[in-house]
Amino acid sequence: MASGAFSPLHILIVVTVALIVLGPKELPKVVRGCAKIMRELRALRARLDEELHSMLEDEEAESGTDAPTHEVPTHEVPTHEVPTHEVPTHEV
């Protein structure tokens, strides 16, 4: 048996409960409404992905480098020097 949220057994249980709760007349309407919402969400995600990619491409073109934007160049990273304490040595 497949495990996870989308196994055939889980889907069958959800459909059976929905059929009992909504009835055979309302269930197709609800499924169509859910499918429409899913299509709209996928389209929105695709538009957001395209916009994000175009913004990143524009930023790379303006900066003139092909370096990934998530990496910070080392010369811009602040360095914090830790003070070192010299231990005096005693000769015996």
PDB file of N, CA and C in Angstrom:
ATOM      1  N   MET A   1       0.849  -1.176   0.000  1.00  0.00           N
ATOM      2  CA  MET A   1       0.000   0.000   0.000  1.00  0.00           C
ATOM      3  C   MET A   1       0.892   1.236   0.000  1.00  0.00           C
ATOM      4  N   ALA A   2       0.513   2.235  -0.765  1.00  0.00           N
ATOM      5  CA  ALA A   2       1.284   3.478  -0.846  1.00  0.00           C
ATOM      6  C   ALA A   2       1.059   4.304   0.401  1.00  0.00           C
ATOM      7  N   SER A   3       2.119   4.956   0.837  1.00  0.00           N
ATOM      8  CA  SER A   3       1.984   5.805   2.020  1.00  0.00           C
ATOM      9  C   SER A   3       1.947   7.263   1.589  1.00  0.00           C
ATOM     10  N   GLY A   4       1.511   8.114   2.492  1.00  0.00           N
ATOM     11  CA  GLY A   4       1.466   9.542   2.183  1.00  0.00           C
ATOM     12  C   GLY A   4       0.042  10.034   2.101  1.00  0.00           C
ATOM     13  N   ALA A   5      -0.092  11.321   1.872  1.00  0.00           N
ATOM     14  CA  ALA A   5      -1.403  11.967   1.878  1.00  0.00           C
ATOM     15  C   ALA A   5      -2.215  11.656   0.622  1.00  0.00           C
ATOM     16  N   PHE A   6      -1.551  11.257  -0.468  1.00  0.00           N
ATOM     17  CA  PHE A   6      -2.268  11.045  -1.717  1.00  0.00           C
ATOM     18  C   PHE A   6      -2.306   9.578  -2.129  1.00  0.00           C
ATOM     19  N   SER A   7      -2.321   8.685  -1.177  1.00  0.00           N
ATOM     20  CA  SER A   7      -2.426   7.270  -1.514  1.00  0.00           C
ATOM     21  C   SER A   7      -3.859   6.987  -1.977  1.00  0.00           C
ATOM     22  N   PRO A   8      -4.052   5.971  -2.770  1.00  0.00           N
ATOM     23  CA  PRO A   8      -5.410   5.661  -3.265  1.00  0.00           C
ATOM     24  C   PRO A   8      -6.428   5.440  -2.143  1.00  0.00           C
ATOM     25  N   LEU A   9      -5.986   4.841  -1.053  1.00  0.00           N
ATOM     26  CA  LEU A   9      -6.915   4.605   0.054  1.00  0.00           C
ATOM     27  C   LEU A   9      -7.384   5.921   0.665  1.00  0.00           C
ATOM     28  N   HIS A  10      -6.478   6.856   0.861  1.00  0.00           N
ATOM     29  CA  HIS A  10      -6.864   8.152   1.436  1.00  0.00           C
ATOM     30  C   HIS A  10      -7.805   8.914   0.507  1.00  0.00           C
ATOM     31  N   ILE A  11      -7.518   8.885  -0.760  1.00  0.00           N
ATOM     32  CA  ILE A  11      -8.381   9.570  -1.734  1.00  0.00           C
ATOM     33  C   ILE A  11      -9.775   8.947  -1.725  1.00  0.00           C
ATOM     34  N   LEU A  12      -9.850   7.631  -1.671  1.00  0.00           N
ATOM     35  CA  LEU A  12     -11.142   6.935  -1.631  1.00  0.00           C
ATOM     36  C   LEU A  12     -11.920   7.318  -0.382  1.00  0.00           C
ATOM     37  N   ILE A  13     -11.251   7.406   0.746  1.00  0.00           N
ATOM     38  CA  ILE A  13     -11.925   7.779   1.999  1.00  0.00           C
ATOM     39  C   ILE A  13     -12.458   9.204   1.909  1.00  0.00           C
ATOM     40  N   VAL A  14     -11.644  10.138   1.398  1.00  0.00           N
ATOM     41  CA  VAL A  14     -12.077  11.527   1.278  1.00  0.00           C
ATOM     42  C   VAL A  14     -13.272  11.643   0.340  1.00  0.00           C
ATOM     43  N   VAL A  15     -13.240  10.946  -0.791  1.00  0.00           N
ATOM     44  CA  VAL A  15     -14.345  11.005  -1.748  1.00  0.00           C
ATOM     45  C   VAL A  15     -15.611  10.406  -1.141  1.00  0.00           C
ATOM     46  N   THR A  16     -15.476   9.326  -0.405  1.00  0.00           N
ATOM     47  CA  THR A  16     -16.644   8.693   0.223  1.00  0.00           C
ATOM     48  C   THR A  16     -17.271   9.618   1.260  1.00  0.00           C
ATOM     49  N   VAL A  17     -16.449  10.230   2.098  1.00  0.00           N
ATOM     50  CA  VAL A  17     -16.979  11.146   3.115  1.00  0.00           C
ATOM     51  C   VAL A  17     -17.629  12.354   2.439  1.00  0.00           C
ATOM     52  N   ALA A  18     -16.975  12.884   1.393  1.00  0.00           N
ATOM     53  CA  ALA A  18     -17.547  14.032   0.685  1.00  0.00           C
ATOM     54  C   ALA A  18     -18.878  13.668   0.047  1.00  0.00           C
ATOM     55  N   LEU A  19     -18.976  12.481  -0.513  1.00  0.00           N
ATOM     56  CA  LEU A  19     -20.228  12.036  -1.134  1.00  0.00           C
ATOM     57  C   LEU A  19     -21.340  11.928  -0.100  1.00  0.00           C
ATOM     58  N   ILE A  20     -21.001  11.434   1.088  1.00  0.00           N
ATOM     59  CA  ILE A  20     -22.000  11.296   2.146  1.00  0.00           C
ATOM     60  C   ILE A  20     -22.434  12.672   2.654  1.00  0.00           C
ATOM     61  N   VAL A  21     -21.461  13.565   2.860  1.00  0.00           N
ATOM     62  CA  VAL A  21     -21.768  14.876   3.431  1.00  0.00           C
ATOM     63  C   VAL A  21     -22.483  15.767   2.416  1.00  0.00           C
ATOM     64  N   LEU A  22     -21.963  15.830   1.178  1.00  0.00           N
ATOM     65  CA  LEU A  22     -22.510  16.754   0.183  1.00  0.00           C
ATOM     66  C   LEU A  22     -23.654  16.167  -0.634  1.00  0.00           C
ATOM     67  N   GLY A  23     -23.635  14.897  -0.820  1.00  0.00           N
ATOM     68  CA  GLY A  23     -24.664  14.271  -1.637  1.00  0.00           C
ATOM     69  C   GLY A  23     -24.232  14.208  -3.089  1.00  0.00           C
ATOM     70  N   PRO A  24     -24.887  13.345  -3.862  1.00  0.00           N
ATOM     71  CA  PRO A  24     -24.482  13.147  -5.260  1.00  0.00           C
ATOM     72  C   PRO A  24     -24.770  14.341  -6.167  1.00  0.00           C
ATOM     73  N   LYS A  25     -25.659  15.252  -5.755  1.00  0.00           N
ATOM     74  CA  LYS A  25     -25.973  16.408  -6.601  1.00  0.00           C
ATOM     75  C   LYS A  25     -24.982  17.550  -6.386  1.00  0.00           C
ATOM     76  N   GLU A  26     -24.536  17.760  -5.168  1.00  0.00           N
ATOM     77  CA  GLU A  26     -23.646  18.866  -4.848  1.00  0.00           C
ATOM     78  C   GLU A  26     -22.167  18.543  -5.061  1.00  0.00           C
ATOM     79  N   LEU A  27     -21.792  17.283  -4.973  1.00  0.00           N
ATOM     80  CA  LEU A  27     -20.382  16.910  -5.073  1.00  0.00           C
ATOM     81  C   LEU A  27     -19.739  17.339  -6.398  1.00  0.00           C
ATOM     82  N   PRO A  28     -20.367  17.127  -7.549  1.00  0.00           N
ATOM     83  CA  PRO A  28     -19.737  17.580  -8.802  1.00  0.00           C
ATOM     84  C   PRO A  28     -19.523  19.095  -8.851  1.00  0.00           C
ATOM     85  N   LYS A  29     -20.451  19.867  -8.292  1.00  0.00           N
ATOM     86  CA  LYS A  29     -20.302  21.328  -8.264  1.00  0.00           C
ATOM     87  C   LYS A  29     -19.091  21.726  -7.414  1.00  0.00           C
ATOM     88  N   VAL A  30     -18.947  21.081  -6.277  1.00  0.00           N
ATOM     89  CA  VAL A  30     -17.829  21.387  -5.382  1.00  0.00           C
ATOM     90  C   VAL A  30     -16.498  20.999  -6.031  1.00  0.00           C
ATOM     91  N   VAL A  31     -16.469  19.849  -6.686  1.00  0.00           N
ATOM     92  CA  VAL A  31     -15.240  19.394  -7.347  1.00  0.00           C
ATOM     93  C   VAL A  31     -14.865  20.349  -8.477  1.00  0.00           C
ATOM     94  N   ARG A  32     -15.854  20.794  -9.250  1.00  0.00           N
ATOM     95  CA  ARG A  32     -15.567  21.765 -10.321  1.00  0.00           C
ATOM     96  C   ARG A  32     -15.037  23.072  -9.747  1.00  0.00           C
ATOM     97  N   GLY A  33     -15.621  23.531  -8.662  1.00  0.00           N
ATOM     98  CA  GLY A  33     -15.158  24.760  -8.017  1.00  0.00           C
ATOM     99  C   GLY A  33     -13.726  24.621  -7.505  1.00  0.00           C
ATOM    100  N   CYS A  34     -13.416  23.484  -6.891  1.00  0.00           N
ATOM    101  CA  CYS A  34     -12.051  23.244  -6.407  1.00  0.00           C
ATOM    102  C   CYS A  34     -11.065  23.171  -7.565  1.00  0.00           C
ATOM    103  N   ALA A  35     -11.462  22.538  -8.659  1.00  0.00           N
ATOM    104  CA  ALA A  35     -10.585  22.442  -9.832  1.00  0.00           C
ATOM    105  C   ALA A  35     -10.319  23.828 -10.418  1.00  0.00           C
ATOM    106  N   LYS A  36     -11.354  24.682 -10.442  1.00  0.00           N
ATOM    107  CA  LYS A  36     -11.179  26.039 -10.956  1.00  0.00           C
ATOM    108  C   LYS A  36     -10.210  26.828 -10.085  1.00  0.00           C
ATOM    109  N   ILE A  37     -10.338  26.697  -8.786  1.00  0.00           N
ATOM    110  CA  ILE A  37      -9.435  27.390  -7.862  1.00  0.00           C
ATOM    111  C   ILE A  37      -8.007  26.894  -8.053  1.00  0.00           C
ATOM    112  N   MET A  38      -7.821  25.599  -8.224  1.00  0.00           N
ATOM    113  CA  MET A  38      -6.482  25.042  -8.430  1.00  0.00           C
ATOM    114  C   MET A  38      -5.867  25.570  -9.724  1.00  0.00           C
ATOM    115  N   ARG A  39      -6.669  25.657 -10.799  1.00  0.00           N
ATOM    116  CA  ARG A  39      -6.161  26.201 -12.069  1.00  0.00           C
ATOM    117  C   ARG A  39      -5.731  27.651 -11.904  1.00  0.00           C
ATOM    118  N   GLU A  40      -6.538  28.444 -11.198  1.00  0.00           N
ATOM    119  CA  GLU A  40      -6.205  29.850 -10.979  1.00  0.00           C
ATOM    120  C   GLU A  40      -4.940  30.001 -10.136  1.00  0.00           C
ATOM    121  N   LEU A  41      -4.778  29.164  -9.130  1.00  0.00           N
ATOM    122  CA  LEU A  41      -3.581  29.212  -8.301  1.00  0.00           C
ATOM    123  C   LEU A  41      -2.331  28.828  -9.090  1.00  0.00           C
ATOM    124  N   ARG A  42      -2.454  27.821  -9.952  1.00  0.00           N
ATOM    125  CA  ARG A  42      -1.317  27.427 -10.789  1.00  0.00           C
ATOM    126  C   ARG A  42      -0.949  28.537 -11.766  1.00  0.00           C
ATOM    127  N   ALA A  43      -1.943  29.183 -12.340  1.00  0.00           N
ATOM    128  CA  ALA A  43      -1.672  30.288 -13.270  1.00  0.00           C
ATOM    129  C   ALA A  43      -1.005  31.446 -12.526  1.00  0.00           C
ATOM    130  N   LEU A  44      -1.469  31.746 -11.338  1.00  0.00           N
ATOM    131  CA  LEU A  44      -0.874  32.804 -10.534  1.00  0.00           C
ATOM    132  C   LEU A  44       0.569  32.474 -10.194  1.00  0.00           C
ATOM    133  N   ARG A  45       0.822  31.231  -9.817  1.00  0.00           N
ATOM    134  CA  ARG A  45       2.187  30.810  -9.505  1.00  0.00           C
ATOM    135  C   ARG A  45       3.081  30.936 -10.732  1.00  0.00           C
ATOM    136  N   ALA A  46       2.584  30.551 -11.897  1.00  0.00           N
ATOM    137  CA  ALA A  46       3.377  30.659 -13.124  1.00  0.00           C
ATOM    138  C   ALA A  46       3.699  32.122 -13.432  1.00  0.00           C
ATOM    139  N   ARG A  47       2.723  33.011 -13.265  1.00  0.00           N
ATOM    140  CA  ARG A  47       2.971  34.434 -13.498  1.00  0.00           C
ATOM    141  C   ARG A  47       3.999  34.989 -12.510  1.00  0.00           C
ATOM    142  N   LEU A  48       3.902  34.594 -11.248  1.00  0.00           N
ATOM    143  CA  LEU A  48       4.860  35.046 -10.249  1.00  0.00           C
ATOM    144  C   LEU A  48       6.264  34.525 -10.551  1.00  0.00           C
ATOM    145  N   ASP A  49       6.367  33.266 -10.981  1.00  0.00           N
ATOM    146  CA  ASP A  49       7.664  32.706 -11.352  1.00  0.00           C
ATOM    147  C   ASP A  49       8.273  33.472 -12.518  1.00  0.00           C
ATOM    148  N   GLU A  50       7.464  33.765 -13.526  1.00  0.00           N
ATOM    149  CA  GLU A  50       7.964  34.520 -14.680  1.00  0.00           C
ATOM    150  C   GLU A  50       8.436  35.909 -14.260  1.00  0.00           C
ATOM    151  N   GLU A  51       7.676  36.573 -13.412  1.00  0.00           N
ATOM    152  CA  GLU A  51       8.045  37.905 -12.956  1.00  0.00           C
ATOM    153  C   GLU A  51       9.336  37.861 -12.148  1.00  0.00           C
ATOM    154  N   LEU A  52       9.463  36.885 -11.280  1.00  0.00           N
ATOM    155  CA  LEU A  52      10.665  36.750 -10.469  1.00  0.00           C
ATOM    156  C   LEU A  52      11.887  36.495 -11.349  1.00  0.00           C
ATOM    157  N   HIS A  53      11.761  35.605 -12.320  1.00  0.00           N
ATOM    158  CA  HIS A  53      12.875  35.310 -13.214  1.00  0.00           C
ATOM    159  C   HIS A  53      13.257  36.536 -14.043  1.00  0.00           C
ATOM    160  N   SER A  54      12.275  37.278 -14.509  1.00  0.00           N
ATOM    161  CA  SER A  54      12.596  38.471 -15.299  1.00  0.00           C
ATOM    162  C   SER A  54      13.277  39.518 -14.427  1.00  0.00           C
ATOM    163  N   MET A  55      12.853  39.654 -13.171  1.00  0.00           N
ATOM    164  CA  MET A  55      13.500  40.601 -12.268  1.00  0.00           C
ATOM    165  C   MET A  55      14.944  40.198 -12.006  1.00  0.00           C
ATOM    166  N   LEU A  56      15.185  38.904 -11.806  1.00  0.00           N
ATOM    167  CA  LEU A  56      16.546  38.438 -11.566  1.00  0.00           C
ATOM    168  C   LEU A  56      17.423  38.625 -12.792  1.00  0.00           C
ATOM    169  N   GLU A  57      16.864  38.381 -13.980  1.00  0.00           N
ATOM    170  CA  GLU A  57      17.628  38.581 -15.207  1.00  0.00           C
ATOM    171  C   GLU A  57      17.956  40.053 -15.399  1.00  0.00           C
ATOM    172  N   ASP A  58      17.003  40.934 -15.104  1.00  0.00           N
ATOM    173  CA  ASP A  58      17.257  42.375 -15.212  1.00  0.00           C
ATOM    174  C   ASP A  58      18.348  42.812 -14.237  1.00  0.00           C
ATOM    175  N   GLU A  59      18.292  42.290 -13.030  1.00  0.00           N
ATOM    176  CA  GLU A  59      19.291  42.640 -12.020  1.00  0.00           C
ATOM    177  C   GLU A  59      20.680  42.166 -12.437  1.00  0.00           C
ATOM    178  N   GLU A  60      20.763  40.950 -12.987  1.00  0.00           N
ATOM    179  CA  GLU A  60      22.044  40.432 -13.454  1.00  0.00           C
ATOM    180  C   GLU A  60      22.562  41.259 -14.624  1.00  0.00           C
ATOM    181  N   ALA A  61      21.674  41.686 -15.515  1.00  0.00           N
ATOM    182  CA  ALA A  61      22.091  42.488 -16.661  1.00  0.00           C
ATOM    183  C   ALA A  61      22.596  43.854 -16.205  1.00  0.00           C
ATOM    184  N   GLU A  62      21.946  44.439 -15.206  1.00  0.00           N
ATOM    185  CA  GLU A  62      22.370  45.741 -14.699  1.00  0.00           C
ATOM    186  C   GLU A  62      23.704  45.661 -13.980  1.00  0.00           C
ATOM    187  N   SER A  63      23.928  44.582 -13.235  1.00  0.00           N
ATOM    188  CA  SER A  63      25.170  44.470 -12.481  1.00  0.00           C
ATOM    189  C   SER A  63      26.331  44.055 -13.382  1.00  0.00           C
ATOM    190  N   GLY A  64      26.036  43.423 -14.502  1.00  0.00           N
ATOM    191  CA  GLY A  64      27.074  43.028 -15.446  1.00  0.00           C
ATOM    192  C   GLY A  64      27.844  41.796 -15.031  1.00  0.00           C
ATOM    193  N   THR A  65      27.365  41.090 -14.037  1.00  0.00           N
ATOM    194  CA  THR A  65      28.031  39.867 -13.611  1.00  0.00           C
ATOM    195  C   THR A  65      27.077  38.708 -13.748  1.00  0.00           C
ATOM    196  N   ASP A  66      27.652  37.544 -13.852  1.00  0.00           N
ATOM    197  CA  ASP A  66      26.843  36.336 -13.931  1.00  0.00           C
ATOM    198  C   ASP A  66      26.836  35.587 -12.608  1.00  0.00           C
ATOM    199  N   ALA A  67      27.266  36.230 -11.543  1.00  0.00           N
ATOM    200  CA  ALA A  67      27.302  35.578 -10.238  1.00  0.00           C
ATOM    201  C   ALA A  67      25.885  35.423  -9.715  1.00  0.00           C
ATOM    202  N   PRO A  68      25.612  34.302  -9.066  1.00  0.00           N
ATOM    203  CA  PRO A  68      24.279  34.126  -8.475  1.00  0.00           C
ATOM    204  C   PRO A  68      24.033  35.196  -7.432  1.00  0.00           C
ATOM    205  N   THR A  69      22.791  35.651  -7.344  1.00  0.00           N
ATOM    206  CA  THR A  69      22.468  36.754  -6.447  1.00  0.00           C
ATOM    207  C   THR A  69      22.414  36.319  -4.990  1.00  0.00           C
ATOM    208  N   HIS A  70      22.330  35.025  -4.725  1.00  0.00           N
ATOM    209  CA  HIS A  70      22.249  34.585  -3.344  1.00  0.00           C
ATOM    210  C   HIS A  70      23.623  34.488  -2.684  1.00  0.00           C
ATOM    211  N   GLU A  71      24.700  34.634  -3.466  1.00  0.00           N
ATOM    212  CA  GLU A  71      26.035  34.593  -2.896  1.00  0.00           C
ATOM    213  C   GLU A  71      26.534  36.015  -2.672  1.00  0.00           C
ATOM    214  N   VAL A  72      27.109  36.246  -1.514  1.00  0.00           N
ATOM    215  CA  VAL A  72      27.637  37.555  -1.188  1.00  0.00           C
ATOM    216  C   VAL A  72      29.139  37.513  -1.430  1.00  0.00           C
ATOM    217  N   PRO A  73      29.667  38.447  -2.208  1.00  0.00           N
ATOM    218  CA  PRO A  73      31.112  38.459  -2.411  1.00  0.00           C
ATOM    219  C   PRO A  73      31.849  38.633  -1.090  1.00  0.00           C
ATOM    220  N   THR A  74      33.001  38.013  -0.982  1.00  0.00           N
ATOM    221  CA  THR A  74      33.715  38.023   0.298  1.00  0.00           C
ATOM    222  C   THR A  74      34.202  39.407   0.680  1.00  0.00           C
ATOM    223  N   HIS A  75      34.449  40.300  -0.274  1.00  0.00           N
ATOM    224  CA  HIS A  75      34.926  41.627   0.089  1.00  0.00           C
ATOM    225  C   HIS A  75      33.838  42.475   0.735  1.00  0.00           C
ATOM    226  N   GLU A  76      32.580  42.066   0.644  1.00  0.00           N
ATOM    227  CA  GLU A  76      31.493  42.816   1.266  1.00  0.00           C
ATOM    228  C   GLU A  76      31.096  42.243   2.622  1.00  0.00           C
ATOM    229  N   VAL A  77      31.638  41.092   2.967  1.00  0.00           N
ATOM    230  CA  VAL A  77      31.286  40.467   4.230  1.00  0.00           C
ATOM    231  C   VAL A  77      32.117  41.114   5.327  1.00  0.00           C
ATOM    232  N   PRO A  78      31.480  41.643   6.366  1.00  0.00           N
ATOM    233  CA  PRO A  78      32.256  42.269   7.436  1.00  0.00           C
ATOM    234  C   PRO A  78      33.067  41.215   8.183  1.00  0.00           C
ATOM    235  N   THR A  79      34.285  41.545   8.455  1.00  0.00           N
ATOM    236  CA  THR A  79      35.127  40.616   9.210  1.00  0.00           C
ATOM    237  C   THR A  79      35.294  41.153  10.611  1.00  0.00           C
ATOM    238  N   HIS A  80      35.122  40.300  11.547  1.00  0.00           N
ATOM    239  CA  HIS A  80      35.263  40.664  12.948  1.00  0.00           C
ATOM    240  C   HIS A  80      36.530  40.006  13.461  1.00  0.00           C
ATOM    241  N   GLU A  81      37.496  40.843  13.799  1.00  0.00           N
ATOM    242  CA  GLU A  81      38.738  40.289  14.299  1.00  0.00           C
ATOM    243  C   GLU A  81      38.577  40.002  15.786  1.00  0.00           C
ATOM    244  N   VAL A  82      38.998  38.830  16.159  1.00  0.00           N
ATOM    245  CA  VAL A  82      38.938  38.431  17.552  1.00  0.00           C
ATOM    246  C   VAL A  82      40.267  38.817  18.187  1.00  0.00           C
ATOM    247  N   PRO A  83      40.223  39.581  19.263  1.00  0.00           N
ATOM    248  CA  PRO A  83      41.499  39.963  19.889  1.00  0.00           C
ATOM    249  C   PRO A  83      42.208  38.733  20.428  1.00  0.00           C
ATOM    250  N   THR A  84      43.466  38.678  20.174  1.00  0.00           N
ATOM    251  CA  THR A  84      44.250  37.549  20.663  1.00  0.00           C
ATOM    252  C   THR A  84      45.065  38.013  21.853  1.00  0.00           C
ATOM    253  N   HIS A  85      45.220  37.158  22.772  1.00  0.00           N
ATOM    254  CA  HIS A  85      46.004  37.459  23.980  1.00  0.00           C
ATOM    255  C   HIS A  85      47.273  36.618  23.928  1.00  0.00           C
ATOM    256  N   GLU A  86      48.371  37.296  24.065  1.00  0.00           N
ATOM    257  CA  GLU A  86      49.627  36.572  24.053  1.00  0.00           C
ATOM    258  C   GLU A  86      49.887  36.052  25.460  1.00  0.00           C
ATOM    259  N   VAL A  87      50.284  34.829  25.516  1.00  0.00           N
ATOM    260  CA  VAL A  87      50.589  34.214  26.790  1.00  0.00           C
ATOM    261  C   VAL A  87      52.085  34.407  27.050  1.00  0.00           C
ATOM    262  N   PRO A  88      52.423  35.033  28.163  1.00  0.00           N
ATOM    263  CA  PRO A  88      53.853  35.219  28.426  1.00  0.00           C
ATOM    264  C   PRO A  88      54.529  33.892  28.725  1.00  0.00           C
ATOM    265  N   THR A  89      55.698  33.749  28.216  1.00  0.00           N
ATOM    266  CA  THR A  89      56.454  32.525  28.471  1.00  0.00           C
ATOM    267  C   THR A  89      57.527  32.820  29.517  1.00  0.00           C
ATOM    268  N   HIS A  90      57.672  31.946  30.403  1.00  0.00           N
ATOM    269  CA  HIS A  90      58.669  32.086  31.476  1.00  0.00           C
ATOM    270  C   HIS A  90      59.734  31.034  31.282  1.00  0.00           C
ATOM    271  N   GLU A  91      60.944  31.489  31.259  1.00  0.00           N
ATOM    272  CA  GLU A  91      62.024  30.530  31.123  1.00  0.00           C
ATOM    273  C   GLU A  91      62.477  30.099  32.499  1.00  0.00           C
ATOM    274  N   VAL A  92      62.768  28.846  32.636  1.00  0.00           N
ATOM    275  CA  VAL A  92      63.165  28.288  33.924  1.00  0.00           C
ATOM    276  C   VAL A  92      64.663  28.162  33.998  1.00  0.00           C
TER     277      VAL A  92
END
